[in-house]
Protein backbone atom coordinates (compact mmCIF):
# COMPACT_ATOMS: atom_id res chain seq x y z
CA GLN A 1 -16.54 9.36 8.28
CA VAL A 2 -14.16 7.35 6.33
CA GLN A 3 -10.80 6.78 7.76
CA LEU A 4 -7.72 5.05 6.25
CA VAL A 5 -4.87 4.74 8.73
CA GLU A 6 -1.53 3.31 7.34
CA SER A 7 1.42 1.56 9.50
CA GLY A 8 4.47 -0.43 9.01
CA GLY A 9 6.62 1.95 7.21
CA GLY A 10 10.31 2.29 8.33
CA LEU A 11 14.07 2.25 7.46
CA VAL A 12 15.29 -0.98 5.77
CA GLN A 13 18.16 -2.07 3.81
CA SER A 14 18.22 -2.80 0.26
CA GLY A 15 16.94 -6.51 -0.20
CA GLY A 16 14.91 -6.35 2.94
CA SER A 17 11.25 -6.79 3.39
CA LEU A 18 8.35 -4.49 5.23
CA THR A 19 4.89 -5.28 5.21
CA LEU A 20 2.49 -2.20 5.40
CA SER A 21 -0.96 -2.43 6.93
CA CYS A 22 -4.24 0.04 6.56
CA GLU A 23 -7.12 -0.17 8.62
CA VAL A 24 -10.22 1.16 7.24
CA SER A 25 -13.29 2.52 8.91
CA GLY A 26 -16.63 4.05 7.88
CA ILE A 27 -17.16 2.04 4.92
CA ASN A 28 -18.46 -1.50 3.90
CA PHE A 29 -14.79 -2.84 3.61
CA ARG A 30 -15.90 -6.13 2.18
CA GLY A 31 -17.24 -4.69 -0.79
CA VAL A 32 -14.57 -1.99 -1.88
CA VAL A 33 -11.73 -1.77 -4.10
CA MET A 34 -8.52 -1.03 -2.11
CA GLY A 35 -5.13 0.26 -3.17
CA TRP A 36 -1.44 1.29 -2.39
CA HIS A 37 0.19 4.27 -4.11
CA ARG A 38 3.48 6.15 -3.45
CA ASN A 39 5.13 9.31 -3.75
CA PRO A 40 8.70 8.95 -4.34
CA PRO A 41 10.85 11.92 -3.42
CA GLY A 42 10.32 14.75 -5.98
CA LYS A 43 8.23 12.55 -8.03
CA GLU A 44 4.23 12.46 -8.81
CA ARG A 45 2.43 9.90 -7.06
CA GLU A 46 2.28 6.45 -8.58
CA PHE A 47 -0.04 3.52 -8.51
CA VAL A 48 1.46 0.19 -6.86
CA ALA A 49 -1.26 -2.22 -6.41
CA ARG A 50 -4.91 -2.84 -5.85
CA ILE A 51 -7.11 -5.59 -4.68
CA ASP A 52 -10.87 -6.01 -5.37
CA ASP A 53 -13.66 -7.16 -3.53
CA SER A 54 -13.03 -10.84 -4.71
CA GLY A 55 -9.39 -10.75 -4.02
CA ARG A 56 -8.38 -10.36 -7.56
CA GLU A 57 -5.06 -8.43 -7.45
CA ASP A 58 -3.30 -5.83 -10.17
CA TYR A 59 0.28 -4.37 -9.82
CA ALA A 60 2.51 -1.83 -11.26
CA ASP A 61 5.41 -3.62 -13.38
CA SER A 62 7.93 -2.12 -10.50
CA ALA A 63 5.96 -4.09 -7.95
CA LYS A 64 5.14 -7.48 -9.94
CA GLY A 65 7.10 -10.37 -8.27
CA ARG A 66 8.25 -8.57 -5.28
CA PHE A 67 5.15 -6.84 -3.79
CA LYS A 68 2.09 -8.72 -2.40
CA ILE A 69 -1.31 -7.12 -1.68
CA PHE A 70 -4.07 -8.81 0.53
CA ARG A 71 -6.95 -8.00 2.80
CA GLU A 72 -8.32 -9.33 5.75
CA ASN A 73 -11.94 -8.48 5.85
CA ALA A 74 -12.63 -9.32 9.26
CA LYS A 75 -10.00 -6.73 10.20
CA ASN A 76 -10.96 -4.19 7.91
CA THR A 77 -7.29 -4.19 6.69
CA VAL A 78 -5.28 -4.07 3.70
CA TYR A 79 -1.63 -5.13 3.41
CA LEU A 80 1.16 -4.50 1.32
CA GLN A 81 3.83 -7.16 1.68
CA MET A 82 7.02 -5.90 -0.07
CA ASN A 83 10.14 -7.79 -0.56
CA ASP A 84 13.39 -7.26 -2.23
CA LEU A 85 13.48 -3.56 -1.45
CA LYS A 86 15.41 -1.27 -3.53
CA PRO A 87 16.54 2.12 -2.96
CA GLU A 88 14.22 3.29 -5.62
CA ASP A 89 11.18 2.14 -3.61
CA THR A 90 11.94 4.75 -1.31
CA ALA A 91 8.58 6.70 -0.94
CA LEU A 92 5.46 7.82 1.04
CA TYR A 93 2.90 4.99 0.83
CA TYR A 94 -0.62 5.71 0.68
CA CYS A 95 -3.46 3.50 1.21
CA SER A 96 -6.49 4.31 -1.09
CA TRP A 97 -10.21 3.56 -1.45
CA GLU A 98 -9.98 3.27 -5.38
CA GLY A 99 -12.27 5.54 -7.37
CA TYR A 100 -13.15 7.50 -4.70
CA ASN A 101 -10.36 9.89 -4.11
CA THR A 102 -9.93 8.68 -0.41
CA TRP A 103 -6.52 8.55 1.28
CA GLY A 104 -4.64 7.62 4.43
CA LEU A 105 -2.06 10.32 5.53
CA GLY A 106 0.56 7.76 4.51
CA THR A 107 3.47 6.22 5.65
CA GLN A 108 7.16 6.41 5.09
CA VAL A 109 9.40 3.88 3.41
CA THR A 110 13.21 4.50 3.21
CA VAL A 111 15.56 2.06 1.75
CA SER A 112 19.15 2.61 1.97
CA SER A 113 21.81 1.25 -0.33
């Protein structure tokens, strides 16, 4: 059974930082593409970042220069480091096994102005 468990969300002031974690079980983590997506209040879920099995990264325009996705294969964990957070980054953030419609339950990030 595949499980993705996010953690690390919280309330932070504008300009602050958070690092989200997603621990994965039930798949060969080293060989998969992992991603982060988010659901802002009242909006559709949107792509944030992804990282493939070779470490190549891809970002939404809104995340470029502020967010960093990285993975620790030894820990079956993918991270999203978020810097210079803005109120518009407020959302429920989901970890995903890209291409397989497999998601965690999400972790809430709230950025106050």
